[in-house]
């Protein structure tokens, strides 16, 4: 999210709002650590298809946890990663 704020793609307070949502007692959001398993999964996502490192990390994390990615990113959407949005 810091990367997206720096690029001007999302609002500057997005990280604070997201952290508030995660910290809420009834939150459905969960933070996960960047693990070796996720790093190895990144090797399966071609850099030519998804060139931005943050996007590859997100896609690999979704693959490891077997969940879709919530993204409007065209490069992720045309990859083999399931996307919503």
C-alpha atoms as a PDB file:
ATOM      1  CA  UNK A   1       0.000   0.000   0.000  1.00  0.00           C
ATOM      2  CA  UNK A   2       2.908   2.332   0.677  1.00  0.00           C
ATOM      3  CA  UNK A   3       4.072   1.718  -2.883  1.00  0.00           C
ATOM      4  CA  UNK A   4       0.627   2.601  -4.264  1.00  0.00           C
ATOM      5  CA  UNK A   5       0.414   5.750  -2.123  1.00  0.00           C
ATOM      6  CA  UNK A   6       3.864   6.828  -3.336  1.00  0.00           C
ATOM      7  CA  UNK A   7       2.774   6.305  -6.946  1.00  0.00           C
ATOM      8  CA  UNK A   8      -0.381   8.342  -6.325  1.00  0.00           C
ATOM      9  CA  UNK A   9      -2.597   5.363  -7.130  1.00  0.00           C
ATOM     10  CA  UNK A  10      -4.476   5.347  -3.802  1.00  0.00           C
ATOM     11  CA  UNK A  11      -5.307   7.960  -1.186  1.00  0.00           C
ATOM     12  CA  UNK A  12      -2.529   8.938   1.270  1.00  0.00           C
ATOM     13  CA  UNK A  13      -4.580   7.786   4.277  1.00  0.00           C
ATOM     14  CA  UNK A  14      -5.381   4.355   2.794  1.00  0.00           C
ATOM     15  CA  UNK A  15      -2.843   2.490   4.940  1.00  0.00           C
ATOM     16  CA  UNK A  16      -4.157   4.097   8.140  1.00  0.00           C
ATOM     17  CA  UNK A  17      -7.745   3.270   7.204  1.00  0.00           C
ATOM     18  CA  UNK A  18      -6.801  -0.300   6.348  1.00  0.00           C
ATOM     19  CA  UNK A  19      -4.915  -0.754   9.636  1.00  0.00           C
ATOM     20  CA  UNK A  20      -7.971   0.513  11.497  1.00  0.00           C
ATOM     21  CA  UNK A  21     -10.101  -2.051   9.657  1.00  0.00           C
ATOM     22  CA  UNK A  22      -7.658  -4.861  10.487  1.00  0.00           C
ATOM     23  CA  UNK A  23      -7.565  -3.864  14.158  1.00  0.00           C
ATOM     24  CA  UNK A  24     -11.368  -3.823  14.509  1.00  0.00           C
ATOM     25  CA  UNK A  25     -12.705  -6.556  16.771  1.00  0.00           C
ATOM     26  CA  UNK A  26     -15.059  -7.898  14.084  1.00  0.00           C
ATOM     27  CA  UNK A  27     -12.586  -7.585  11.194  1.00  0.00           C
ATOM     28  CA  UNK A  28     -12.643 -10.071   8.348  1.00  0.00           C
ATOM     29  CA  UNK A  29      -9.162  -8.901   7.239  1.00  0.00           C
ATOM     30  CA  UNK A  30      -6.014 -10.739   8.249  1.00  0.00           C
ATOM     31  CA  UNK A  31      -2.359  -9.831   7.831  1.00  0.00           C
ATOM     32  CA  UNK A  32      -0.006 -12.548   6.633  1.00  0.00           C
ATOM     33  CA  UNK A  33       3.773 -12.579   6.691  1.00  0.00           C
ATOM     34  CA  UNK A  34       5.924 -12.775   3.586  1.00  0.00           C
ATOM     35  CA  UNK A  35       7.301 -16.294   3.927  1.00  0.00           C
ATOM     36  CA  UNK A  36       9.755 -18.451   2.058  1.00  0.00           C
ATOM     37  CA  UNK A  37       6.816 -20.384   0.632  1.00  0.00           C
ATOM     38  CA  UNK A  38       5.430 -17.179  -0.879  1.00  0.00           C
ATOM     39  CA  UNK A  39       8.865 -16.228  -2.216  1.00  0.00           C
ATOM     40  CA  UNK A  40       9.185 -19.608  -3.947  1.00  0.00           C
ATOM     41  CA  UNK A  41       5.651 -19.276  -5.341  1.00  0.00           C
ATOM     42  CA  UNK A  42       6.724 -15.996  -6.987  1.00  0.00           C
ATOM     43  CA  UNK A  43       8.937 -18.046  -9.305  1.00  0.00           C
ATOM     44  CA  UNK A  44       5.769 -19.450 -10.906  1.00  0.00           C
ATOM     45  CA  UNK A  45       4.539 -15.972 -11.861  1.00  0.00           C
ATOM     46  CA  UNK A  46       6.397 -14.851 -14.977  1.00  0.00           C
ATOM     47  CA  UNK A  47       7.988 -11.424 -14.659  1.00  0.00           C
ATOM     48  CA  UNK A  48       6.975 -10.771 -18.251  1.00  0.00           C
ATOM     49  CA  UNK A  49       3.315 -11.213 -17.268  1.00  0.00           C
ATOM     50  CA  UNK A  50       3.359  -9.421 -13.901  1.00  0.00           C
ATOM     51  CA  UNK A  51       6.470  -7.200 -13.892  1.00  0.00           C
ATOM     52  CA  UNK A  52       5.970  -5.157 -10.692  1.00  0.00           C
ATOM     53  CA  UNK A  53       7.462  -6.842  -7.622  1.00  0.00           C
ATOM     54  CA  UNK A  54       4.634  -5.786  -5.252  1.00  0.00           C
ATOM     55  CA  UNK A  55       2.079  -7.273  -7.654  1.00  0.00           C
ATOM     56  CA  UNK A  56       4.039 -10.514  -7.885  1.00  0.00           C
ATOM     57  CA  UNK A  57       4.164 -10.747  -4.088  1.00  0.00           C
ATOM     58  CA  UNK A  58       0.406 -10.203  -3.884  1.00  0.00           C
ATOM     59  CA  UNK A  59      -0.269 -12.766  -6.611  1.00  0.00           C
ATOM     60  CA  UNK A  60       2.048 -15.342  -5.021  1.00  0.00           C
ATOM     61  CA  UNK A  61       0.439 -14.804  -1.618  1.00  0.00           C
ATOM     62  CA  UNK A  62      -3.003 -15.351  -3.120  1.00  0.00           C
ATOM     63  CA  UNK A  63      -1.759 -18.508  -4.799  1.00  0.00           C
ATOM     64  CA  UNK A  64      -0.298 -19.920  -1.571  1.00  0.00           C
ATOM     65  CA  UNK A  65      -3.493 -19.201   0.370  1.00  0.00           C
ATOM     66  CA  UNK A  66      -5.695 -20.271  -2.559  1.00  0.00           C
ATOM     67  CA  UNK A  67      -7.711 -17.058  -2.578  1.00  0.00           C
ATOM     68  CA  UNK A  68      -8.479 -14.638  -5.427  1.00  0.00           C
ATOM     69  CA  UNK A  69      -6.735 -11.282  -5.718  1.00  0.00           C
ATOM     70  CA  UNK A  70      -8.821  -8.135  -5.420  1.00  0.00           C
ATOM     71  CA  UNK A  71      -7.276  -5.992  -8.138  1.00  0.00           C
ATOM     72  CA  UNK A  72      -7.994  -3.811 -11.156  1.00  0.00           C
ATOM     73  CA  UNK A  73      -4.452  -4.324 -12.433  1.00  0.00           C
ATOM     74  CA  UNK A  74      -4.676  -5.456 -16.074  1.00  0.00           C
ATOM     75  CA  UNK A  75      -1.456  -7.456 -15.889  1.00  0.00           C
ATOM     76  CA  UNK A  76      -2.658  -9.476 -12.925  1.00  0.00           C
ATOM     77  CA  UNK A  77      -6.072  -9.936 -14.525  1.00  0.00           C
ATOM     78  CA  UNK A  78      -4.586 -11.428 -17.718  1.00  0.00           C
ATOM     79  CA  UNK A  79      -2.323 -13.764 -15.747  1.00  0.00           C
ATOM     80  CA  UNK A  80      -3.465 -17.142 -14.507  1.00  0.00           C
ATOM     81  CA  UNK A  81      -4.176 -15.646 -11.066  1.00  0.00           C
ATOM     82  CA  UNK A  82      -7.882 -15.510 -10.216  1.00  0.00           C
ATOM     83  CA  UNK A  83      -8.978 -11.906  -9.708  1.00  0.00           C
ATOM     84  CA  UNK A  84     -12.032 -10.098  -8.421  1.00  0.00           C
ATOM     85  CA  UNK A  85     -12.881  -6.568  -9.548  1.00  0.00           C
END
